[in-house]
């Protein structure tokens, strides 16, 4: 039986560096909602009612208005950032700086990062001393970055991104320029040990195609759709989407710009003029 996609009702979580807006999040700190014909229900109950045993792809908006995000490493999850807006310099730290790594070698690089991060946590060095080991990447609105597991990264102040990620909460904090509120201290030793220094992720720039695959992670794929006016495009079961601009519809349901949706079954969406939609599909 085909079921219409449903709008996601976000929950906003304050962070020392700004805000996270969860569109498909289920955590003790907050849970997103789903707009149904019978009112708003929790995402977990919506999923349970359809006999799904696992969470859907996690869709967030990250708004770094007050500072830099933690410099961190994930051991199991993948993330995709799509730049939404930029206030100031559009930049993130992504992976090791190739020139520094080439000069120091793997073991020397890890030892130096461990030492400087320890000094920074103790207040004996600035956070910039740790950041200097990481590769700065300049970004523009529409750019997409895939962050594989174990690659150190940090979104810097002024960046607003739409994020798709593996729906698990795990991280190792290598360094933080803001207070850490979810744990005691940094995870310097385990983060340094977990770092994958061999990967240098690239940036996928916006293309002129109607359909553009902008990211491939092990467990999901993100596609940018820019259909012709009043054309339709398919979405797969349990895809989650973000409407960048324009409006999409499925029968009597309408999803305007800057809203998110989940599709519990495969469906077709009809686009208005000048529409752009990001869709994450399970691999």
C-alpha atoms as a PDB file:
ATOM      1  CA  UNK A   1       0.000   0.000   0.000  1.00  0.00           C
ATOM      2  CA  UNK A   2       1.367   3.414  -0.997  1.00  0.00           C
ATOM      3  CA  UNK A   3       1.396   6.008   1.748  1.00  0.00           C
ATOM      4  CA  UNK A   4       1.958   9.715   1.249  1.00  0.00           C
ATOM      5  CA  UNK A   5       5.146  11.326   2.555  1.00  0.00           C
ATOM      6  CA  UNK A   6       4.682  13.259   5.784  1.00  0.00           C
ATOM      7  CA  UNK A   7       6.105  16.549   7.002  1.00  0.00           C
ATOM      8  CA  UNK A   8       8.649  16.396   9.818  1.00  0.00           C
ATOM      9  CA  UNK A   9       8.209  18.714  12.796  1.00  0.00           C
ATOM     10  CA  UNK A  10      11.645  19.753  14.099  1.00  0.00           C
ATOM     11  CA  UNK A  11      12.982  20.109  17.619  1.00  0.00           C
ATOM     12  CA  UNK A  12      15.726  22.638  18.351  1.00  0.00           C
ATOM     13  CA  UNK A  13      18.602  21.761  20.679  1.00  0.00           C
ATOM     14  CA  UNK A  14      20.796  24.570  22.045  1.00  0.00           C
ATOM     15  CA  UNK A  15      24.561  24.076  21.781  1.00  0.00           C
ATOM     16  CA  UNK A  16      27.499  26.134  23.092  1.00  0.00           C
ATOM     17  CA  UNK A  17      28.366  26.938  19.470  1.00  0.00           C
ATOM     18  CA  UNK A  18      24.797  27.646  18.297  1.00  0.00           C
ATOM     19  CA  UNK A  19      21.886  25.307  17.563  1.00  0.00           C
ATOM     20  CA  UNK A  20      21.045  21.933  16.089  1.00  0.00           C
ATOM     21  CA  UNK A  21      17.607  21.574  14.541  1.00  0.00           C
ATOM     22  CA  UNK A  22      16.606  17.902  14.427  1.00  0.00           C
ATOM     23  CA  UNK A  23      14.112  16.963  11.732  1.00  0.00           C
ATOM     24  CA  UNK A  24      14.343  13.189  12.145  1.00  0.00           C
ATOM     25  CA  UNK A  25      15.992  12.818  15.534  1.00  0.00           C
ATOM     26  CA  UNK A  26      15.010  10.474  18.370  1.00  0.00           C
ATOM     27  CA  UNK A  27      17.045  10.978  21.534  1.00  0.00           C
ATOM     28  CA  UNK A  28      16.606  11.533  25.240  1.00  0.00           C
ATOM     29  CA  UNK A  29      17.429  15.205  24.632  1.00  0.00           C
ATOM     30  CA  UNK A  30      14.547  15.616  22.188  1.00  0.00           C
ATOM     31  CA  UNK A  31      12.448  13.928  19.531  1.00  0.00           C
ATOM     32  CA  UNK A  32      11.132  15.124  16.201  1.00  0.00           C
ATOM     33  CA  UNK A  33       7.485  14.869  15.263  1.00  0.00           C
ATOM     34  CA  UNK A  34       5.572  13.797  12.164  1.00  0.00           C
ATOM     35  CA  UNK A  35       2.532  15.656  10.833  1.00  0.00           C
ATOM     36  CA  UNK A  36      -0.243  13.157   9.984  1.00  0.00           C
ATOM     37  CA  UNK A  37      -3.888  13.501   9.016  1.00  0.00           C
ATOM     38  CA  UNK A  38      -4.722  12.853  12.682  1.00  0.00           C
ATOM     39  CA  UNK A  39      -2.315  15.390  14.146  1.00  0.00           C
ATOM     40  CA  UNK A  40       1.340  15.396  15.165  1.00  0.00           C
ATOM     41  CA  UNK A  41       2.851  12.174  16.505  1.00  0.00           C
ATOM     42  CA  UNK A  42       6.359  11.383  17.694  1.00  0.00           C
ATOM     43  CA  UNK A  43       8.740  10.051  15.066  1.00  0.00           C
ATOM     44  CA  UNK A  44       9.389   6.899  17.096  1.00  0.00           C
ATOM     45  CA  UNK A  45       5.680   6.068  17.313  1.00  0.00           C
ATOM     46  CA  UNK A  46       5.247   6.810  13.599  1.00  0.00           C
ATOM     47  CA  UNK A  47       8.054   4.382  12.772  1.00  0.00           C
ATOM     48  CA  UNK A  48       6.802   1.730  15.223  1.00  0.00           C
ATOM     49  CA  UNK A  49       3.289   1.866  13.788  1.00  0.00           C
ATOM     50  CA  UNK A  50       4.736   0.917  10.408  1.00  0.00           C
ATOM     51  CA  UNK A  51       6.690  -2.027  11.856  1.00  0.00           C
ATOM     52  CA  UNK A  52      10.106  -0.550  11.203  1.00  0.00           C
ATOM     53  CA  UNK A  53      12.747  -1.684  13.694  1.00  0.00           C
ATOM     54  CA  UNK A  54      15.523   0.819  12.947  1.00  0.00           C
ATOM     55  CA  UNK A  55      15.759   4.640  12.939  1.00  0.00           C
ATOM     56  CA  UNK A  56      15.531   6.586   9.695  1.00  0.00           C
ATOM     57  CA  UNK A  57      18.434   8.603   8.306  1.00  0.00           C
ATOM     58  CA  UNK A  58      19.089  11.505  10.635  1.00  0.00           C
ATOM     59  CA  UNK A  59      18.426  14.919   9.102  1.00  0.00           C
ATOM     60  CA  UNK A  60      19.566  18.060  10.943  1.00  0.00           C
ATOM     61  CA  UNK A  61      20.308  21.713  10.403  1.00  0.00           C
ATOM     62  CA  UNK A  62      23.525  22.892  12.090  1.00  0.00           C
ATOM     63  CA  UNK A  63      23.779  26.606  12.842  1.00  0.00           C
ATOM     64  CA  UNK A  64      27.202  27.610  14.161  1.00  0.00           C
ATOM     65  CA  UNK A  65      26.259  31.133  15.218  1.00  0.00           C
ATOM     66  CA  UNK A  66      28.340  31.398  18.413  1.00  0.00           C
ATOM     67  CA  UNK A  67      31.509  29.420  17.740  1.00  0.00           C
ATOM     68  CA  UNK A  68      33.187  26.429  16.129  1.00  0.00           C
ATOM     69  CA  UNK A  69      31.821  22.925  16.422  1.00  0.00           C
ATOM     70  CA  UNK A  70      33.975  20.383  18.252  1.00  0.00           C
ATOM     71  CA  UNK A  71      36.960  18.978  16.394  1.00  0.00           C
ATOM     72  CA  UNK A  72      35.865  15.360  16.531  1.00  0.00           C
ATOM     73  CA  UNK A  73      36.132  11.870  15.087  1.00  0.00           C
ATOM     74  CA  UNK A  74      33.343   9.322  14.565  1.00  0.00           C
ATOM     75  CA  UNK A  75      34.216   5.633  14.631  1.00  0.00           C
ATOM     76  CA  UNK A  76      31.122   4.201  12.932  1.00  0.00           C
ATOM     77  CA  UNK A  77      28.916   6.903  11.454  1.00  0.00           C
ATOM     78  CA  UNK A  78      29.132   8.903   8.258  1.00  0.00           C
ATOM     79  CA  UNK A  79      27.950  12.479   7.791  1.00  0.00           C
ATOM     80  CA  UNK A  80      27.088  14.654   4.808  1.00  0.00           C
ATOM     81  CA  UNK A  81      27.059  18.457   5.021  1.00  0.00           C
ATOM     82  CA  UNK A  82      25.272  20.549   2.392  1.00  0.00           C
ATOM     83  CA  UNK A  83      26.005  24.247   2.835  1.00  0.00           C
ATOM     84  CA  UNK A  84      22.833  26.239   3.360  1.00  0.00           C
ATOM     85  CA  UNK A  85      24.026  29.723   4.339  1.00  0.00           C
ATOM     86  CA  UNK A  86      27.266  31.419   5.335  1.00  0.00           C
ATOM     87  CA  UNK A  87      27.758  34.335   7.689  1.00  0.00           C
ATOM     88  CA  UNK A  88      31.369  35.458   7.459  1.00  0.00           C
ATOM     89  CA  UNK A  89      34.047  33.067   6.227  1.00  0.00           C
ATOM     90  CA  UNK A  90      32.702  29.796   4.883  1.00  0.00           C
ATOM     91  CA  UNK A  91      35.173  27.237   6.134  1.00  0.00           C
ATOM     92  CA  UNK A  92      35.513  23.910   7.886  1.00  0.00           C
ATOM     93  CA  UNK A  93      38.416  21.733   9.019  1.00  0.00           C
ATOM     94  CA  UNK A  94      38.442  18.379   7.246  1.00  0.00           C
ATOM     95  CA  UNK A  95      41.118  15.734   7.664  1.00  0.00           C
ATOM     96  CA  UNK A  96      44.836  16.197   8.213  1.00  0.00           C
ATOM     97  CA  UNK A  97      46.798  18.944   6.495  1.00  0.00           C
ATOM     98  CA  UNK A  98      48.651  17.055   3.739  1.00  0.00           C
ATOM     99  CA  UNK A  99      51.836  19.112   3.968  1.00  0.00           C
ATOM    100  CA  UNK A 100      52.120  18.718   7.735  1.00  0.00           C
ATOM    101  CA  UNK A 101      51.368  14.990   7.555  1.00  0.00           C
ATOM    102  CA  UNK A 102      53.943  14.480   4.779  1.00  0.00           C
ATOM    103  CA  UNK A 103      56.603  16.272   6.788  1.00  0.00           C
ATOM    104  CA  UNK A 104      55.946  14.560  10.124  1.00  0.00           C
ATOM    105  CA  UNK A 105      54.775  11.102   9.074  1.00  0.00           C
ATOM    106  CA  UNK A 106      51.864   9.208  10.614  1.00  0.00           C
ATOM    107  CA  UNK A 107      53.390   8.486  14.026  1.00  0.00           C
ATOM    108  CA  UNK A 108      54.925  11.943  14.382  1.00  0.00           C
ATOM    109  CA  UNK A 109      51.689  13.636  13.379  1.00  0.00           C
ATOM    110  CA  UNK A 110      49.634  11.691  15.920  1.00  0.00           C
ATOM    111  CA  UNK A 111      52.149  12.329  18.687  1.00  0.00           C
ATOM    112  CA  UNK A 112      52.246  16.048  17.980  1.00  0.00           C
ATOM    113  CA  UNK A 113      48.454  16.354  17.834  1.00  0.00           C
ATOM    114  CA  UNK A 114      48.150  14.407  21.099  1.00  0.00           C
ATOM    115  CA  UNK A 115      50.650  16.681  22.821  1.00  0.00           C
ATOM    116  CA  UNK A 116      49.165  19.977  21.604  1.00  0.00           C
ATOM    117  CA  UNK A 117      45.582  18.887  22.277  1.00  0.00           C
ATOM    118  CA  UNK A 118      46.552  17.938  25.823  1.00  0.00           C
ATOM    119  CA  UNK A 119      48.113  21.362  26.296  1.00  0.00           C
ATOM    120  CA  UNK A 120      44.993  23.048  24.907  1.00  0.00           C
ATOM    121  CA  UNK A 121      42.688  21.125  27.231  1.00  0.00           C
ATOM    122  CA  UNK A 122      44.875  22.143  30.174  1.00  0.00           C
ATOM    123  CA  UNK A 123      44.759  25.793  29.105  1.00  0.00           C
ATOM    124  CA  UNK A 124      48.450  25.855  28.181  1.00  0.00           C
ATOM    125  CA  UNK A 125      47.906  26.339  24.440  1.00  0.00           C
ATOM    126  CA  UNK A 126      45.278  27.931  22.205  1.00  0.00           C
ATOM    127  CA  UNK A 127      42.794  25.792  20.276  1.00  0.00           C
ATOM    128  CA  UNK A 128      44.287  27.246  17.087  1.00  0.00           C
ATOM    129  CA  UNK A 129      47.434  25.222  17.781  1.00  0.00           C
ATOM    130  CA  UNK A 130      45.401  22.021  17.354  1.00  0.00           C
ATOM    131  CA  UNK A 131      43.441  23.350  14.389  1.00  0.00           C
ATOM    132  CA  UNK A 132      46.721  24.110  12.603  1.00  0.00           C
ATOM    133  CA  UNK A 133      47.190  20.364  12.035  1.00  0.00           C
ATOM    134  CA  UNK A 134      43.873  20.108  10.150  1.00  0.00           C
ATOM    135  CA  UNK A 135      43.068  20.874   6.517  1.00  0.00           C
ATOM    136  CA  UNK A 136      41.013  24.073   6.024  1.00  0.00           C
ATOM    137  CA  UNK A 137      38.378  23.794   3.291  1.00  0.00           C
ATOM    138  CA  UNK A 138      36.590  26.827   1.854  1.00  0.00           C
ATOM    139  CA  UNK A 139      32.925  26.280   1.054  1.00  0.00           C
ATOM    140  CA  UNK A 140      30.093  28.031  -0.777  1.00  0.00           C
ATOM    141  CA  UNK A 141      26.306  27.651  -0.531  1.00  0.00           C
ATOM    142  CA  UNK A 142      25.213  24.453  -2.235  1.00  0.00           C
ATOM    143  CA  UNK A 143      28.529  22.643  -1.719  1.00  0.00           C
ATOM    144  CA  UNK A 144      28.302  19.098  -0.361  1.00  0.00           C
ATOM    145  CA  UNK A 145      30.935  17.374   1.760  1.00  0.00           C
ATOM    146  CA  UNK A 146      30.936  13.692   2.693  1.00  0.00           C
ATOM    147  CA  UNK A 147      32.698  13.022   6.009  1.00  0.00           C
ATOM    148  CA  UNK A 148      33.643   9.342   6.275  1.00  0.00           C
ATOM    149  CA  UNK A 149      34.044   7.691   9.635  1.00  0.00           C
ATOM    150  CA  UNK A 150      37.336   8.367  11.453  1.00  0.00           C
ATOM    151  CA  UNK A 151      38.101  11.587   9.573  1.00  0.00           C
ATOM    152  CA  UNK A 152      38.656  14.498  11.998  1.00  0.00           C
ATOM    153  CA  UNK A 153      36.475  17.504  11.236  1.00  0.00           C
ATOM    154  CA  UNK A 154      35.050  20.723  12.605  1.00  0.00           C
ATOM    155  CA  UNK A 155      32.523  23.147  11.181  1.00  0.00           C
ATOM    156  CA  UNK A 156      33.687  26.698  11.881  1.00  0.00           C
ATOM    157  CA  UNK A 157      31.695  29.689  13.100  1.00  0.00           C
ATOM    158  CA  UNK A 158      29.253  31.247  10.656  1.00  0.00           C
ATOM    159  CA  UNK A 159      28.418  28.052   8.767  1.00  0.00           C
ATOM    160  CA  UNK A 160      24.824  26.876   8.414  1.00  0.00           C
ATOM    161  CA  UNK A 161      24.517  23.412   6.879  1.00  0.00           C
ATOM    162  CA  UNK A 162      21.924  20.742   6.253  1.00  0.00           C
ATOM    163  CA  UNK A 163      23.290  17.461   7.576  1.00  0.00           C
ATOM    164  CA  UNK A 164      22.372  13.877   6.758  1.00  0.00           C
ATOM    165  CA  UNK A 165      23.999  11.241   8.942  1.00  0.00           C
ATOM    166  CA  UNK A 166      23.969   7.681  10.204  1.00  0.00           C
ATOM    167  CA  UNK A 167      21.377   7.714  13.033  1.00  0.00           C
ATOM    168  CA  UNK A 168      23.691   6.948  15.950  1.00  0.00           C
ATOM    169  CA  UNK A 169      25.222   9.191  18.608  1.00  0.00           C
ATOM    170  CA  UNK A 170      28.933   8.512  19.015  1.00  0.00           C
ATOM    171  CA  UNK A 171      31.976  10.705  18.813  1.00  0.00           C
ATOM    172  CA  UNK A 172      35.476  11.282  20.104  1.00  0.00           C
ATOM    173  CA  UNK A 173      36.255  14.920  20.921  1.00  0.00           C
ATOM    174  CA  UNK A 174      39.804  15.785  19.919  1.00  0.00           C
ATOM    175  CA  UNK A 175      39.537  19.465  20.885  1.00  0.00           C
ATOM    176  CA  UNK A 176      36.856  22.035  21.642  1.00  0.00           C
ATOM    177  CA  UNK A 177      36.819  25.803  21.509  1.00  0.00           C
ATOM    178  CA  UNK A 178      33.457  25.817  23.304  1.00  0.00           C
ATOM    179  CA  UNK A 179      32.472  24.220  26.634  1.00  0.00           C
ATOM    180  CA  UNK A 180      31.736  20.498  26.415  1.00  0.00           C
ATOM    181  CA  UNK A 181      28.327  19.913  28.002  1.00  0.00           C
ATOM    182  CA  UNK A 182      27.570  16.276  27.170  1.00  0.00           C
ATOM    183  CA  UNK A 183      30.601  14.634  28.785  1.00  0.00           C
ATOM    184  CA  UNK A 184      33.538  15.212  31.094  1.00  0.00           C
ATOM    185  CA  UNK A 185      36.617  16.385  29.244  1.00  0.00           C
ATOM    186  CA  UNK A 186      37.985  15.582  25.813  1.00  0.00           C
ATOM    187  CA  UNK A 187      38.756  12.164  24.270  1.00  0.00           C
ATOM    188  CA  UNK A 188      42.246  13.003  23.099  1.00  0.00           C
ATOM    189  CA  UNK A 189      43.942   9.588  23.241  1.00  0.00           C
ATOM    190  CA  UNK A 190      41.074   7.621  21.706  1.00  0.00           C
ATOM    191  CA  UNK A 191      40.397  10.323  19.090  1.00  0.00           C
ATOM    192  CA  UNK A 192      44.045  10.416  18.006  1.00  0.00           C
ATOM    193  CA  UNK A 193      44.161   6.616  17.815  1.00  0.00           C
ATOM    194  CA  UNK A 194      40.941   6.509  15.764  1.00  0.00           C
ATOM    195  CA  UNK A 195      41.926   9.161  13.204  1.00  0.00           C
ATOM    196  CA  UNK A 196      42.112   8.054   9.582  1.00  0.00           C
ATOM    197  CA  UNK A 197      44.882  10.214   8.138  1.00  0.00           C
ATOM    198  CA  UNK A 198      44.833   8.636   4.687  1.00  0.00           C
ATOM    199  CA  UNK A 199      41.522  10.115   3.541  1.00  0.00           C
ATOM    200  CA  UNK A 200      41.222  13.601   2.034  1.00  0.00           C
ATOM    201  CA  UNK A 201      37.515  14.142   1.337  1.00  0.00           C
ATOM    202  CA  UNK A 202      36.600  16.426  -1.530  1.00  0.00           C
ATOM    203  CA  UNK A 203      33.801  18.911  -2.130  1.00  0.00           C
ATOM    204  CA  UNK A 204      30.932  18.263  -4.547  1.00  0.00           C
ATOM    205  CA  UNK A 205      29.994  21.550  -6.183  1.00  0.00           C
ATOM    206  CA  UNK A 206      26.448  22.193  -7.431  1.00  0.00           C
ATOM    207  CA  UNK A 207      25.977  21.033 -11.005  1.00  0.00           C
ATOM    208  CA  UNK A 208      23.468  21.946 -13.666  1.00  0.00           C
ATOM    209  CA  UNK A 209      21.849  18.523 -13.842  1.00  0.00           C
ATOM    210  CA  UNK A 210      18.241  17.772 -12.990  1.00  0.00           C
ATOM    211  CA  UNK A 211      19.443  14.892 -10.785  1.00  0.00           C
ATOM    212  CA  UNK A 212      22.877  15.008  -9.135  1.00  0.00           C
ATOM    213  CA  UNK A 213      24.247  12.462  -6.680  1.00  0.00           C
ATOM    214  CA  UNK A 214      26.132  14.691  -4.262  1.00  0.00           C
ATOM    215  CA  UNK A 215      27.203  12.172  -1.609  1.00  0.00           C
ATOM    216  CA  UNK A 216      27.669   8.442  -1.150  1.00  0.00           C
ATOM    217  CA  UNK A 217      28.083   7.053   2.354  1.00  0.00           C
ATOM    218  CA  UNK A 218      28.158   3.339   3.224  1.00  0.00           C
ATOM    219  CA  UNK A 219      24.549   3.368   4.430  1.00  0.00           C
ATOM    220  CA  UNK A 220      22.887   6.174   2.452  1.00  0.00           C
ATOM    221  CA  UNK A 221      23.073   8.272  -0.712  1.00  0.00           C
ATOM    222  CA  UNK A 222      22.153  11.954  -1.025  1.00  0.00           C
ATOM    223  CA  UNK A 223      20.748  13.271  -4.310  1.00  0.00           C
ATOM    224  CA  UNK A 224      19.962  16.837  -5.381  1.00  0.00           C
ATOM    225  CA  UNK A 225      16.798  17.119  -7.505  1.00  0.00           C
ATOM    226  CA  UNK A 226      16.144  20.173  -9.679  1.00  0.00           C
ATOM    227  CA  UNK A 227      13.206  19.000 -11.787  1.00  0.00           C
ATOM    228  CA  UNK A 228      11.623  21.029 -14.592  1.00  0.00           C
ATOM    229  CA  UNK A 229       8.531  22.989 -13.531  1.00  0.00           C
ATOM    230  CA  UNK A 230       5.530  20.764 -12.774  1.00  0.00           C
ATOM    231  CA  UNK A 231       7.543  17.600 -13.349  1.00  0.00           C
ATOM    232  CA  UNK A 232       7.565  14.627 -10.954  1.00  0.00           C
ATOM    233  CA  UNK A 233      10.392  12.624  -9.430  1.00  0.00           C
ATOM    234  CA  UNK A 234      10.404   9.430  -7.338  1.00  0.00           C
ATOM    235  CA  UNK A 235      11.530   8.931  -3.760  1.00  0.00           C
ATOM    236  CA  UNK A 236      12.242   5.565  -2.175  1.00  0.00           C
ATOM    237  CA  UNK A 237      10.698   4.078   0.936  1.00  0.00           C
ATOM    238  CA  UNK A 238      12.032   5.682   4.129  1.00  0.00           C
ATOM    239  CA  UNK A 239      13.833   8.420   2.264  1.00  0.00           C
ATOM    240  CA  UNK A 240      14.092  11.736   4.094  1.00  0.00           C
ATOM    241  CA  UNK A 241      14.168  15.030   2.245  1.00  0.00           C
ATOM    242  CA  UNK A 242      14.798  18.746   2.611  1.00  0.00           C
ATOM    243  CA  UNK A 243      13.169  21.303   0.327  1.00  0.00           C
ATOM    244  CA  UNK A 244      15.825  23.903  -0.447  1.00  0.00           C
ATOM    245  CA  UNK A 245      13.525  26.128  -2.507  1.00  0.00           C
ATOM    246  CA  UNK A 246      10.185  25.951  -4.263  1.00  0.00           C
ATOM    247  CA  UNK A 247       7.443  23.537  -3.291  1.00  0.00           C
ATOM    248  CA  UNK A 248       6.798  19.835  -3.804  1.00  0.00           C
ATOM    249  CA  UNK A 249       3.494  18.027  -3.463  1.00  0.00           C
ATOM    250  CA  UNK A 250       2.136  14.516  -3.150  1.00  0.00           C
ATOM    251  CA  UNK A 251      -1.581  14.493  -3.759  1.00  0.00           C
ATOM    252  CA  UNK A 252      -3.078  16.781  -1.087  1.00  0.00           C
ATOM    253  CA  UNK A 253       0.158  17.210   0.872  1.00  0.00           C
ATOM    254  CA  UNK A 254       2.378  20.210   0.239  1.00  0.00           C
ATOM    255  CA  UNK A 255       5.997  20.663   1.333  1.00  0.00           C
ATOM    256  CA  UNK A 256       7.218  24.271   0.953  1.00  0.00           C
ATOM    257  CA  UNK A 257      10.765  25.588   1.018  1.00  0.00           C
ATOM    258  CA  UNK A 258      12.827  25.021   4.163  1.00  0.00           C
ATOM    259  CA  UNK A 259      10.766  22.087   5.383  1.00  0.00           C
ATOM    260  CA  UNK A 260      11.564  18.371   5.661  1.00  0.00           C
ATOM    261  CA  UNK A 261       9.646  15.181   4.969  1.00  0.00           C
ATOM    262  CA  UNK A 262       9.842  11.411   5.365  1.00  0.00           C
ATOM    263  CA  UNK A 263       8.457   8.914   2.857  1.00  0.00           C
ATOM    264  CA  UNK A 264       7.285   5.696   4.586  1.00  0.00           C
ATOM    265  CA  UNK A 265       6.713   4.062   1.192  1.00  0.00           C
ATOM    266  CA  UNK A 266       7.953   4.768  -2.309  1.00  0.00           C
ATOM    267  CA  UNK A 267       6.164   7.769  -3.789  1.00  0.00           C
ATOM    268  CA  UNK A 268       6.261  10.427  -6.485  1.00  0.00           C
ATOM    269  CA  UNK A 269       6.596  14.131  -5.730  1.00  0.00           C
ATOM    270  CA  UNK A 270       5.377  16.883  -8.059  1.00  0.00           C
ATOM    271  CA  UNK A 271       7.516  20.021  -8.238  1.00  0.00           C
ATOM    272  CA  UNK A 272       6.477  23.630  -8.695  1.00  0.00           C
ATOM    273  CA  UNK A 273       8.637  26.055 -10.655  1.00  0.00           C
ATOM    274  CA  UNK A 274      12.268  26.611  -9.577  1.00  0.00           C
ATOM    275  CA  UNK A 275      12.351  23.777  -7.073  1.00  0.00           C
ATOM    276  CA  UNK A 276      15.367  22.137  -5.451  1.00  0.00           C
ATOM    277  CA  UNK A 277      15.148  19.177  -3.081  1.00  0.00           C
ATOM    278  CA  UNK A 278      17.796  17.140  -1.259  1.00  0.00           C
ATOM    279  CA  UNK A 279      16.825  13.496  -0.750  1.00  0.00           C
ATOM    280  CA  UNK A 280      18.704  10.933   1.352  1.00  0.00           C
ATOM    281  CA  UNK A 281      17.975   7.318   0.426  1.00  0.00           C
ATOM    282  CA  UNK A 282      19.062   4.213   2.286  1.00  0.00           C
ATOM    283  CA  UNK A 283      21.801   2.273   0.494  1.00  0.00           C
END
